[in-house]
N, C-alpha and C. Protein backbone atom coordinates (compact mmCIF):
# COMPACT_ATOMS: atom_id res chain seq x y z
N UNK A 1 87.30 89.39 1.88
CA UNK A 1 87.39 89.10 0.46
C UNK A 1 86.52 90.06 -0.33
N UNK A 2 87.06 90.58 -1.44
CA UNK A 2 86.29 91.41 -2.37
C UNK A 2 85.82 90.52 -3.51
N UNK A 3 84.52 90.49 -3.74
CA UNK A 3 83.93 89.70 -4.82
C UNK A 3 83.46 90.66 -5.92
N UNK A 4 83.99 90.51 -7.13
CA UNK A 4 83.60 91.36 -8.27
C UNK A 4 82.72 90.53 -9.19
N UNK A 5 81.46 90.94 -9.33
CA UNK A 5 80.45 90.13 -10.01
C UNK A 5 79.80 90.95 -11.12
N UNK A 6 79.69 90.34 -12.31
CA UNK A 6 78.96 91.04 -13.36
C UNK A 6 79.41 90.74 -14.76
N UNK A 7 79.62 91.79 -15.54
CA UNK A 7 79.88 91.64 -16.97
C UNK A 7 81.33 91.24 -17.23
N UNK A 8 81.73 91.22 -18.49
CA UNK A 8 83.06 90.74 -18.87
C UNK A 8 84.19 91.58 -18.30
N UNK A 9 83.89 92.79 -17.86
CA UNK A 9 84.94 93.68 -17.37
C UNK A 9 85.49 93.28 -16.00
N UNK A 10 84.87 92.29 -15.36
CA UNK A 10 85.45 91.79 -14.11
C UNK A 10 86.64 90.89 -14.37
N UNK A 11 86.89 90.52 -15.62
CA UNK A 11 88.03 89.64 -15.94
C UNK A 11 89.35 90.21 -15.45
N UNK A 12 89.48 91.53 -15.41
CA UNK A 12 90.72 92.15 -14.96
C UNK A 12 91.07 91.73 -13.54
N UNK A 13 90.05 91.44 -12.72
CA UNK A 13 90.28 91.12 -11.31
C UNK A 13 90.76 89.69 -11.10
N UNK A 14 90.88 88.93 -12.19
CA UNK A 14 91.51 87.61 -12.09
C UNK A 14 93.00 87.75 -11.84
N UNK A 15 93.56 88.91 -12.24
CA UNK A 15 94.98 89.14 -12.11
C UNK A 15 95.78 88.64 -13.30
N UNK A 16 95.07 88.19 -14.32
CA UNK A 16 95.72 87.62 -15.50
C UNK A 16 95.03 88.13 -16.75
N UNK A 17 95.80 88.55 -17.74
CA UNK A 17 95.20 88.99 -18.99
C UNK A 17 94.52 87.82 -19.69
N UNK A 18 93.31 88.07 -20.17
CA UNK A 18 92.54 87.03 -20.85
C UNK A 18 91.10 87.08 -20.39
N UNK A 19 90.18 86.85 -21.31
CA UNK A 19 88.76 86.86 -20.96
C UNK A 19 88.43 85.63 -20.12
N UNK A 20 87.92 85.85 -18.94
CA UNK A 20 87.63 84.75 -18.02
C UNK A 20 86.40 83.97 -18.48
N UNK A 21 86.37 82.65 -18.19
CA UNK A 21 85.18 81.85 -18.49
C UNK A 21 83.98 82.39 -17.71
N UNK A 22 82.79 82.21 -18.27
CA UNK A 22 81.60 82.60 -17.53
C UNK A 22 81.42 81.66 -16.35
N UNK A 23 81.19 82.24 -15.18
CA UNK A 23 80.99 81.46 -13.97
C UNK A 23 79.66 80.71 -14.05
N UNK A 24 79.58 79.45 -13.59
CA UNK A 24 80.58 78.69 -12.83
C UNK A 24 81.53 77.84 -13.67
N UNK A 25 81.59 78.07 -14.98
CA UNK A 25 82.52 77.30 -15.81
C UNK A 25 83.96 77.56 -15.36
N UNK A 26 84.76 76.52 -15.38
CA UNK A 26 86.17 76.65 -14.99
C UNK A 26 87.08 76.82 -16.21
N UNK A 27 86.54 76.58 -17.40
CA UNK A 27 87.31 76.77 -18.63
C UNK A 27 86.39 77.33 -19.69
N UNK A 28 86.89 78.24 -20.52
CA UNK A 28 86.05 78.82 -21.56
C UNK A 28 85.79 77.80 -22.66
N UNK A 29 84.80 78.09 -23.50
CA UNK A 29 84.33 77.11 -24.49
C UNK A 29 85.40 76.75 -25.52
N UNK A 30 86.38 77.64 -25.71
CA UNK A 30 87.46 77.36 -26.65
C UNK A 30 88.62 76.63 -25.98
N UNK A 31 88.50 76.41 -24.67
CA UNK A 31 89.55 75.70 -23.96
C UNK A 31 90.84 76.48 -23.83
N UNK A 32 90.74 77.80 -23.96
CA UNK A 32 91.94 78.63 -23.96
C UNK A 32 92.28 79.16 -22.57
N UNK A 33 91.24 79.50 -21.79
CA UNK A 33 91.48 80.11 -20.49
C UNK A 33 90.81 79.32 -19.37
N UNK A 34 91.55 79.10 -18.30
CA UNK A 34 91.00 78.54 -17.07
C UNK A 34 90.65 79.69 -16.14
N UNK A 35 89.57 79.52 -15.39
CA UNK A 35 89.19 80.54 -14.42
C UNK A 35 90.27 80.63 -13.36
N UNK A 36 90.68 81.86 -13.05
CA UNK A 36 91.72 82.03 -12.04
C UNK A 36 91.46 83.28 -11.22
N UNK A 37 92.01 83.28 -10.02
CA UNK A 37 91.96 84.43 -9.14
C UNK A 37 93.29 84.46 -8.39
N UNK A 38 94.23 85.28 -8.88
CA UNK A 38 95.58 85.24 -8.32
C UNK A 38 95.93 86.49 -7.53
N UNK A 39 94.96 87.41 -7.36
CA UNK A 39 95.19 88.59 -6.55
C UNK A 39 94.64 88.32 -5.15
N UNK A 40 95.51 88.35 -4.16
CA UNK A 40 95.09 88.06 -2.79
C UNK A 40 94.01 89.03 -2.34
N UNK A 41 92.92 88.46 -1.85
CA UNK A 41 91.84 89.27 -1.33
C UNK A 41 90.79 89.67 -2.34
N UNK A 42 90.95 89.26 -3.62
CA UNK A 42 89.98 89.61 -4.67
C UNK A 42 89.63 88.37 -5.48
N UNK A 43 88.36 88.20 -5.76
CA UNK A 43 87.92 87.14 -6.65
C UNK A 43 86.88 87.70 -7.62
N UNK A 44 86.73 87.06 -8.77
CA UNK A 44 85.81 87.58 -9.79
C UNK A 44 84.90 86.49 -10.32
N UNK A 45 83.74 86.94 -10.79
CA UNK A 45 82.73 86.04 -11.38
C UNK A 45 82.18 86.73 -12.62
N UNK A 46 82.66 86.32 -13.76
CA UNK A 46 82.14 86.87 -15.01
C UNK A 46 80.88 86.10 -15.36
N UNK A 47 79.74 86.80 -15.34
CA UNK A 47 78.46 86.13 -15.56
C UNK A 47 77.95 86.25 -16.98
N UNK A 48 78.44 87.21 -17.73
CA UNK A 48 77.99 87.36 -19.11
C UNK A 48 77.88 88.82 -19.50
N UNK A 49 77.36 89.09 -20.72
CA UNK A 49 77.26 90.47 -21.21
C UNK A 49 76.07 91.20 -20.61
N UNK A 50 76.09 91.40 -19.30
CA UNK A 50 74.97 92.00 -18.60
C UNK A 50 74.95 93.52 -18.75
N UNK A 51 73.78 94.07 -18.92
CA UNK A 51 73.62 95.52 -18.93
C UNK A 51 73.14 95.98 -17.57
N UNK A 52 73.44 97.22 -17.23
CA UNK A 52 72.95 97.78 -15.97
C UNK A 52 71.43 97.86 -15.98
N UNK A 53 70.86 98.16 -17.14
CA UNK A 53 69.41 98.33 -17.23
C UNK A 53 68.66 97.04 -16.90
N UNK A 54 69.21 95.92 -17.33
CA UNK A 54 68.55 94.63 -17.11
C UNK A 54 69.20 93.79 -16.03
N UNK A 55 70.05 94.40 -15.22
CA UNK A 55 70.77 93.67 -14.18
C UNK A 55 69.81 92.94 -13.26
N UNK A 56 68.70 93.57 -12.94
CA UNK A 56 67.73 92.99 -12.01
C UNK A 56 67.05 91.74 -12.55
N UNK A 57 67.15 91.50 -13.84
CA UNK A 57 66.46 90.36 -14.45
C UNK A 57 67.36 89.13 -14.58
N UNK A 58 68.49 89.12 -13.90
CA UNK A 58 69.45 88.02 -14.02
C UNK A 58 69.55 87.25 -12.70
N UNK A 59 68.80 86.14 -12.57
CA UNK A 59 68.82 85.39 -11.30
C UNK A 59 70.18 84.84 -10.93
N UNK A 60 71.07 84.67 -11.92
CA UNK A 60 72.39 84.13 -11.60
C UNK A 60 73.19 85.09 -10.72
N UNK A 61 72.85 86.37 -10.72
CA UNK A 61 73.53 87.33 -9.85
C UNK A 61 73.21 87.01 -8.40
N UNK A 62 71.92 86.86 -8.09
CA UNK A 62 71.51 86.51 -6.73
C UNK A 62 72.16 85.21 -6.29
N UNK A 63 72.14 84.22 -7.17
CA UNK A 63 72.70 82.91 -6.82
C UNK A 63 74.19 83.00 -6.54
N UNK A 64 74.90 83.77 -7.35
CA UNK A 64 76.34 83.91 -7.16
C UNK A 64 76.66 84.58 -5.83
N UNK A 65 75.91 85.62 -5.50
CA UNK A 65 76.12 86.30 -4.21
C UNK A 65 75.85 85.36 -3.05
N UNK A 66 74.69 84.72 -3.06
CA UNK A 66 74.30 83.84 -1.95
C UNK A 66 75.28 82.68 -1.79
N UNK A 67 75.75 82.14 -2.90
CA UNK A 67 76.62 80.96 -2.85
C UNK A 67 78.06 81.27 -2.48
N UNK A 68 78.49 82.52 -2.62
CA UNK A 68 79.92 82.81 -2.49
C UNK A 68 80.29 83.91 -1.50
N UNK A 69 79.36 84.78 -1.17
CA UNK A 69 79.70 85.96 -0.36
C UNK A 69 79.25 85.79 1.08
N UNK A 70 80.18 86.00 1.99
CA UNK A 70 79.87 86.00 3.42
C UNK A 70 79.51 87.43 3.81
N UNK A 71 78.24 87.64 4.11
CA UNK A 71 77.76 88.99 4.37
C UNK A 71 78.43 89.64 5.57
N UNK A 72 78.93 88.86 6.49
CA UNK A 72 79.52 89.43 7.71
C UNK A 72 80.97 89.84 7.54
N UNK A 73 81.64 89.33 6.50
CA UNK A 73 83.07 89.62 6.36
C UNK A 73 83.48 90.16 4.99
N UNK A 74 82.70 89.91 3.95
CA UNK A 74 83.10 90.19 2.59
C UNK A 74 82.47 91.46 2.03
N UNK A 75 82.99 91.90 0.89
CA UNK A 75 82.44 93.03 0.14
C UNK A 75 82.14 92.54 -1.27
N UNK A 76 80.99 92.93 -1.81
CA UNK A 76 80.65 92.55 -3.18
C UNK A 76 80.52 93.80 -4.03
N UNK A 77 81.28 93.82 -5.13
CA UNK A 77 81.21 94.91 -6.10
C UNK A 77 80.53 94.40 -7.36
N UNK A 78 79.58 95.18 -7.85
CA UNK A 78 78.86 94.81 -9.07
C UNK A 78 79.40 95.62 -10.25
N UNK A 79 79.50 94.95 -11.39
CA UNK A 79 80.04 95.58 -12.59
C UNK A 79 79.04 95.50 -13.74
N UNK A 80 78.60 96.64 -14.20
CA UNK A 80 77.73 96.73 -15.38
C UNK A 80 77.71 98.20 -15.80
N UNK A 81 77.25 98.45 -17.01
CA UNK A 81 77.08 99.83 -17.47
C UNK A 81 77.89 100.20 -18.69
N UNK A 82 79.01 99.50 -18.93
CA UNK A 82 79.83 99.86 -20.09
C UNK A 82 79.06 99.64 -21.38
N UNK A 83 78.34 98.53 -21.46
CA UNK A 83 77.56 98.22 -22.67
C UNK A 83 76.44 99.24 -22.84
N UNK A 84 75.79 99.60 -21.73
CA UNK A 84 74.72 100.60 -21.78
C UNK A 84 75.25 101.91 -22.35
N UNK A 85 76.40 102.36 -21.83
CA UNK A 85 76.96 103.65 -22.25
C UNK A 85 77.48 103.61 -23.69
N UNK A 86 78.04 102.48 -24.05
CA UNK A 86 78.63 102.35 -25.39
C UNK A 86 77.57 102.27 -26.48
N UNK A 87 76.42 101.66 -26.17
CA UNK A 87 75.47 101.39 -27.24
C UNK A 87 74.01 101.65 -26.88
N UNK A 88 73.50 100.97 -25.86
CA UNK A 88 72.05 100.90 -25.67
C UNK A 88 71.41 102.24 -25.33
N UNK A 89 72.02 103.02 -24.45
CA UNK A 89 71.41 104.29 -24.05
C UNK A 89 71.30 105.23 -25.25
N UNK A 90 72.36 105.32 -26.03
CA UNK A 90 72.34 106.22 -27.18
C UNK A 90 71.33 105.75 -28.23
N UNK A 91 71.23 104.43 -28.40
CA UNK A 91 70.25 103.89 -29.35
C UNK A 91 68.82 104.21 -28.88
N UNK A 92 68.57 104.01 -27.59
CA UNK A 92 67.24 104.27 -27.06
C UNK A 92 66.89 105.76 -27.08
N UNK A 93 67.90 106.61 -26.94
CA UNK A 93 67.65 108.05 -27.02
C UNK A 93 67.07 108.42 -28.39
N UNK A 94 67.59 107.78 -29.42
CA UNK A 94 67.08 108.02 -30.78
C UNK A 94 65.70 107.39 -30.95
N UNK A 95 65.57 106.14 -30.51
CA UNK A 95 64.31 105.41 -30.69
C UNK A 95 63.15 106.07 -29.93
N UNK A 96 63.44 106.55 -28.71
CA UNK A 96 62.38 107.10 -27.86
C UNK A 96 62.30 108.62 -27.94
N UNK A 97 63.20 109.23 -28.70
CA UNK A 97 63.26 110.68 -28.79
C UNK A 97 63.36 111.32 -27.41
N UNK A 98 64.29 110.79 -26.62
CA UNK A 98 64.52 111.30 -25.27
C UNK A 98 65.99 111.69 -25.14
N UNK A 99 66.29 112.44 -24.11
CA UNK A 99 67.67 112.89 -23.92
C UNK A 99 68.52 111.76 -23.35
N UNK A 100 69.80 111.78 -23.71
CA UNK A 100 70.75 110.81 -23.17
C UNK A 100 70.81 110.93 -21.65
N UNK A 101 70.77 112.15 -21.15
CA UNK A 101 70.86 112.35 -19.70
C UNK A 101 69.70 111.69 -18.97
N UNK A 102 68.48 111.90 -19.45
CA UNK A 102 67.31 111.30 -18.80
C UNK A 102 67.37 109.77 -18.82
N UNK A 103 67.74 109.22 -19.96
CA UNK A 103 67.81 107.76 -20.08
C UNK A 103 68.94 107.18 -19.23
N UNK A 104 70.05 107.90 -19.15
CA UNK A 104 71.16 107.42 -18.34
C UNK A 104 70.80 107.40 -16.86
N UNK A 105 70.18 108.46 -16.39
CA UNK A 105 69.76 108.53 -14.99
C UNK A 105 68.74 107.44 -14.68
N UNK A 106 67.83 107.20 -15.62
CA UNK A 106 66.84 106.13 -15.45
C UNK A 106 67.52 104.77 -15.36
N UNK A 107 68.52 104.56 -16.21
CA UNK A 107 69.25 103.29 -16.22
C UNK A 107 69.97 103.08 -14.89
N UNK A 108 70.65 104.11 -14.40
CA UNK A 108 71.38 104.01 -13.14
C UNK A 108 70.41 103.73 -12.00
N UNK A 109 69.25 104.36 -12.03
CA UNK A 109 68.28 104.18 -10.95
C UNK A 109 67.79 102.73 -10.89
N UNK A 110 67.53 102.13 -12.04
CA UNK A 110 67.13 100.72 -12.07
C UNK A 110 68.25 99.83 -11.50
N UNK A 111 69.44 100.11 -11.91
CA UNK A 111 70.63 99.37 -11.47
C UNK A 111 70.81 99.49 -9.95
N UNK A 112 70.79 100.70 -9.45
CA UNK A 112 71.01 100.94 -8.03
C UNK A 112 69.87 100.36 -7.19
N UNK A 113 68.64 100.47 -7.66
CA UNK A 113 67.51 99.94 -6.90
C UNK A 113 67.65 98.43 -6.69
N UNK A 114 68.20 97.76 -7.69
CA UNK A 114 68.43 96.32 -7.54
C UNK A 114 69.56 96.06 -6.54
N UNK A 115 70.64 96.79 -6.65
CA UNK A 115 71.77 96.59 -5.75
C UNK A 115 71.38 96.90 -4.30
N UNK A 116 70.46 97.83 -4.12
CA UNK A 116 69.98 98.16 -2.78
C UNK A 116 69.37 96.95 -2.08
N UNK A 117 68.85 96.00 -2.85
CA UNK A 117 68.24 94.82 -2.23
C UNK A 117 69.30 94.01 -1.49
N UNK A 118 70.53 94.01 -1.99
CA UNK A 118 71.60 93.30 -1.29
C UNK A 118 72.01 94.05 -0.03
N UNK A 119 72.07 95.36 -0.13
CA UNK A 119 72.41 96.17 1.05
C UNK A 119 71.36 95.97 2.14
N UNK A 120 70.10 95.89 1.75
CA UNK A 120 69.03 95.69 2.73
C UNK A 120 69.11 94.33 3.40
N UNK A 121 69.82 93.40 2.75
CA UNK A 121 70.04 92.08 3.34
C UNK A 121 71.41 91.98 4.02
N UNK A 122 71.94 93.16 4.35
CA UNK A 122 73.17 93.28 5.17
C UNK A 122 74.44 92.89 4.45
N UNK A 123 74.45 92.94 3.12
CA UNK A 123 75.70 92.78 2.39
C UNK A 123 76.39 94.12 2.29
N UNK A 124 77.72 94.10 2.35
CA UNK A 124 78.54 95.29 2.14
C UNK A 124 78.76 95.40 0.63
N UNK A 125 78.21 96.41 -0.01
CA UNK A 125 78.16 96.43 -1.47
C UNK A 125 78.80 97.68 -2.06
N UNK A 126 79.16 97.56 -3.32
CA UNK A 126 79.70 98.67 -4.08
C UNK A 126 79.52 98.44 -5.56
N UNK A 127 79.91 99.41 -6.35
CA UNK A 127 79.81 99.30 -7.81
C UNK A 127 81.15 99.66 -8.44
N UNK A 128 81.39 99.07 -9.60
CA UNK A 128 82.56 99.39 -10.41
C UNK A 128 82.06 100.24 -11.58
N UNK A 129 82.38 101.51 -11.56
CA UNK A 129 81.91 102.41 -12.61
C UNK A 129 82.51 102.06 -13.96
N UNK A 130 81.74 102.17 -15.03
CA UNK A 130 82.23 101.81 -16.36
C UNK A 130 83.33 102.74 -16.86
N UNK A 131 84.23 102.16 -17.64
CA UNK A 131 85.26 102.94 -18.33
C UNK A 131 84.82 103.13 -19.78
N UNK A 132 85.70 103.63 -20.63
CA UNK A 132 85.37 103.79 -22.04
C UNK A 132 86.37 103.02 -22.90
N UNK A 133 85.93 102.65 -24.08
CA UNK A 133 86.81 101.95 -25.00
C UNK A 133 87.79 102.94 -25.64
N UNK A 134 88.79 102.40 -26.31
CA UNK A 134 89.85 103.21 -26.91
C UNK A 134 89.28 104.18 -27.94
N UNK A 135 89.64 105.44 -27.80
CA UNK A 135 89.22 106.49 -28.72
C UNK A 135 87.69 106.55 -28.86
N UNK A 136 87.01 106.46 -27.72
CA UNK A 136 85.55 106.54 -27.73
C UNK A 136 85.09 107.90 -28.24
N UNK A 137 84.03 107.94 -29.04
CA UNK A 137 83.53 109.23 -29.54
C UNK A 137 82.94 110.06 -28.41
N UNK A 138 82.73 111.34 -28.68
CA UNK A 138 82.29 112.28 -27.66
C UNK A 138 80.97 111.88 -27.01
N UNK A 139 80.04 111.33 -27.79
CA UNK A 139 78.74 111.00 -27.19
C UNK A 139 78.85 109.83 -26.22
N UNK A 140 79.78 108.91 -26.46
CA UNK A 140 80.00 107.82 -25.51
C UNK A 140 80.67 108.35 -24.26
N UNK A 141 81.64 109.24 -24.42
CA UNK A 141 82.27 109.88 -23.26
C UNK A 141 81.24 110.62 -22.43
N UNK A 142 80.38 111.37 -23.09
CA UNK A 142 79.35 112.13 -22.38
C UNK A 142 78.43 111.21 -21.60
N UNK A 143 77.98 110.13 -22.24
CA UNK A 143 77.08 109.19 -21.59
C UNK A 143 77.75 108.54 -20.39
N UNK A 144 79.01 108.17 -20.54
CA UNK A 144 79.73 107.49 -19.46
C UNK A 144 79.99 108.44 -18.29
N UNK A 145 80.27 109.70 -18.58
CA UNK A 145 80.45 110.70 -17.52
C UNK A 145 79.17 110.86 -16.72
N UNK A 146 78.05 110.99 -17.42
CA UNK A 146 76.75 111.14 -16.74
C UNK A 146 76.46 109.90 -15.89
N UNK A 147 76.72 108.73 -16.47
CA UNK A 147 76.47 107.46 -15.77
C UNK A 147 77.29 107.40 -14.48
N UNK A 148 78.58 107.67 -14.58
CA UNK A 148 79.45 107.60 -13.41
C UNK A 148 79.12 108.68 -12.38
N UNK A 149 78.82 109.87 -12.83
CA UNK A 149 78.45 110.94 -11.89
C UNK A 149 77.20 110.56 -11.11
N UNK A 150 76.24 109.97 -11.79
CA UNK A 150 75.01 109.55 -11.11
C UNK A 150 75.29 108.39 -10.16
N UNK A 151 76.15 107.47 -10.57
CA UNK A 151 76.53 106.36 -9.69
C UNK A 151 77.18 106.90 -8.41
N UNK A 152 78.12 107.82 -8.57
CA UNK A 152 78.81 108.39 -7.42
C UNK A 152 77.81 109.04 -6.47
N UNK A 153 76.89 109.83 -7.02
CA UNK A 153 75.89 110.51 -6.19
C UNK A 153 75.04 109.51 -5.42
N UNK A 154 74.57 108.47 -6.10
CA UNK A 154 73.71 107.49 -5.45
C UNK A 154 74.49 106.67 -4.42
N UNK A 155 75.74 106.35 -4.71
CA UNK A 155 76.56 105.60 -3.75
C UNK A 155 76.81 106.43 -2.50
N UNK A 156 77.04 107.72 -2.65
CA UNK A 156 77.24 108.60 -1.49
C UNK A 156 75.97 108.67 -0.65
N UNK A 157 74.82 108.75 -1.32
CA UNK A 157 73.55 108.83 -0.60
C UNK A 157 73.26 107.55 0.18
N UNK A 158 73.66 106.41 -0.38
CA UNK A 158 73.30 105.11 0.19
C UNK A 158 74.43 104.46 0.96
N UNK A 159 75.56 105.17 1.08
CA UNK A 159 76.73 104.64 1.79
C UNK A 159 77.20 103.32 1.17
N UNK A 160 77.35 103.35 -0.15
CA UNK A 160 77.88 102.20 -0.88
C UNK A 160 79.22 102.59 -1.50
N UNK A 161 80.05 101.61 -1.76
CA UNK A 161 81.39 101.86 -2.31
C UNK A 161 81.32 102.12 -3.82
N UNK A 162 82.27 102.89 -4.31
CA UNK A 162 82.39 103.15 -5.75
C UNK A 162 83.86 103.16 -6.12
N UNK A 163 84.20 102.41 -7.16
CA UNK A 163 85.54 102.47 -7.76
C UNK A 163 85.37 102.52 -9.27
N UNK A 164 86.35 103.10 -9.95
CA UNK A 164 86.28 103.15 -11.41
C UNK A 164 87.64 103.53 -11.98
N UNK A 165 87.93 102.98 -13.15
CA UNK A 165 89.16 103.35 -13.87
C UNK A 165 88.86 104.36 -14.98
N UNK A 166 87.66 104.92 -14.98
CA UNK A 166 87.28 105.83 -16.07
C UNK A 166 88.25 107.00 -16.21
N UNK A 167 88.47 107.74 -15.13
CA UNK A 167 89.35 108.91 -15.22
C UNK A 167 90.77 108.51 -15.56
N UNK A 168 91.22 107.41 -14.98
CA UNK A 168 92.58 106.94 -15.25
C UNK A 168 92.76 106.64 -16.74
N UNK A 169 91.80 105.92 -17.32
CA UNK A 169 91.90 105.53 -18.72
C UNK A 169 91.83 106.75 -19.64
N UNK A 170 90.91 107.66 -19.35
CA UNK A 170 90.76 108.86 -20.19
C UNK A 170 92.03 109.72 -20.14
N UNK A 171 92.65 109.78 -18.97
CA UNK A 171 93.85 110.61 -18.82
C UNK A 171 95.12 109.89 -19.26
N UNK A 172 95.03 108.59 -19.50
CA UNK A 172 96.19 107.80 -19.93
C UNK A 172 95.80 106.91 -21.11
N UNK A 173 95.20 107.51 -22.13
CA UNK A 173 94.70 106.75 -23.27
C UNK A 173 95.85 106.06 -23.99
N UNK A 174 95.88 104.73 -23.86
CA UNK A 174 96.98 103.94 -24.39
C UNK A 174 96.45 102.55 -24.69
N UNK A 175 96.76 102.02 -25.85
CA UNK A 175 96.26 100.70 -26.23
C UNK A 175 96.74 99.61 -25.28
N UNK A 176 97.87 99.83 -24.63
CA UNK A 176 98.38 98.85 -23.67
C UNK A 176 97.49 98.70 -22.44
N UNK A 177 96.60 99.65 -22.23
CA UNK A 177 95.68 99.57 -21.11
C UNK A 177 94.52 98.63 -21.38
N UNK A 178 94.45 98.11 -22.59
CA UNK A 178 93.31 97.27 -22.97
C UNK A 178 93.73 95.83 -23.20
N UNK A 179 92.83 94.93 -22.89
CA UNK A 179 93.08 93.50 -22.95
C UNK A 179 93.40 93.04 -24.37
N UNK A 180 94.53 92.41 -24.51
CA UNK A 180 94.96 91.85 -25.80
C UNK A 180 94.80 92.86 -26.94
N UNK A 181 94.99 94.11 -26.58
CA UNK A 181 94.87 95.18 -27.57
C UNK A 181 93.51 95.21 -28.27
N UNK A 182 92.44 94.79 -27.55
CA UNK A 182 91.12 94.80 -28.20
C UNK A 182 90.46 96.17 -28.12
N UNK A 183 91.04 97.08 -27.33
CA UNK A 183 90.52 98.44 -27.28
C UNK A 183 89.25 98.61 -26.47
N UNK A 184 88.77 97.54 -25.82
CA UNK A 184 87.53 97.60 -25.06
C UNK A 184 87.73 97.16 -23.61
N UNK A 185 88.24 95.94 -23.41
CA UNK A 185 88.41 95.40 -22.07
C UNK A 185 89.77 95.80 -21.50
N UNK A 186 89.79 96.13 -20.23
CA UNK A 186 91.01 96.61 -19.61
C UNK A 186 91.99 95.47 -19.35
N UNK A 187 93.27 95.78 -19.53
CA UNK A 187 94.32 94.81 -19.22
C UNK A 187 94.77 95.00 -17.77
N UNK A 188 95.59 94.07 -17.30
CA UNK A 188 96.04 94.16 -15.91
C UNK A 188 97.00 95.33 -15.70
N UNK A 189 97.37 96.02 -16.76
CA UNK A 189 98.13 97.25 -16.62
C UNK A 189 97.38 98.26 -15.76
N UNK A 190 96.05 98.20 -15.81
CA UNK A 190 95.19 99.15 -15.09
C UNK A 190 94.86 98.64 -13.68
N UNK A 191 95.13 97.37 -13.42
CA UNK A 191 94.76 96.78 -12.13
C UNK A 191 95.29 97.55 -10.92
N UNK A 192 96.54 98.06 -10.94
CA UNK A 192 97.02 98.82 -9.78
C UNK A 192 96.14 100.01 -9.41
N UNK A 193 95.46 100.59 -10.40
CA UNK A 193 94.57 101.71 -10.12
C UNK A 193 93.39 101.25 -9.27
N UNK A 194 92.84 100.08 -9.59
CA UNK A 194 91.76 99.53 -8.77
C UNK A 194 92.26 99.15 -7.38
N UNK A 195 93.43 98.55 -7.32
CA UNK A 195 94.01 98.17 -6.03
C UNK A 195 94.17 99.41 -5.15
N UNK A 196 94.66 100.49 -5.76
CA UNK A 196 94.83 101.74 -5.02
C UNK A 196 93.50 102.21 -4.44
N UNK A 197 92.44 102.16 -5.24
CA UNK A 197 91.14 102.62 -4.76
C UNK A 197 90.57 101.71 -3.69
N UNK A 198 90.74 100.40 -3.85
CA UNK A 198 90.28 99.47 -2.81
C UNK A 198 91.00 99.75 -1.49
N UNK A 199 92.28 100.02 -1.56
CA UNK A 199 93.06 100.31 -0.35
C UNK A 199 92.61 101.63 0.28
N UNK A 200 92.32 102.63 -0.56
CA UNK A 200 91.84 103.90 -0.02
C UNK A 200 90.52 103.73 0.72
N UNK A 201 89.71 102.76 0.28
CA UNK A 201 88.44 102.48 0.95
C UNK A 201 88.61 101.59 2.17
N UNK A 202 89.85 101.14 2.39
CA UNK A 202 90.12 100.28 3.54
C UNK A 202 89.66 98.86 3.35
N UNK A 203 89.54 98.43 2.10
CA UNK A 203 89.03 97.09 1.81
C UNK A 203 90.14 96.07 1.56
N UNK A 204 91.36 96.54 1.36
CA UNK A 204 92.52 95.65 1.16
C UNK A 204 93.64 96.08 2.11
């Protein structure tokens, strides 16, 4: 089983268009969506608007992994970073008078160092690289490219899995690729791209 845990972007792995309720809730607060997992071999846990920078400060991540993931048979993919790339890193670059590249690498390092704790406890782990929203400006694209490149490098060094729809979305910029045409969250139109990558990794 592949477990996708993290921010709102794991909703795509439910196999159904619609923002998933925050786990462990089975229905969202508006009563519009029930939590579902209809793709064989994949399940998702939307925990909230988590950033990669502060991922380590969220105890619900540890609890979700321990309560749901079988370390001997399952794979857990963590999802965070889109919010960092879209807003926080660029804001902090201005506030701290530092380069986007330095802050992005620092953010990824904090994120990866936390994920390494699961690997050290014998979990099979990976990350879902962030994509970009519709018609993202150049500085967001730049930040996301740096973020994903650093993720790929660290995953290769640590023998962790990496998947991402970033290149697919950038090369196929279309509003239909986004959830309910919101221009931010991916719709299940993009799901086959993730399935393809999971299969290439031998996980499905």
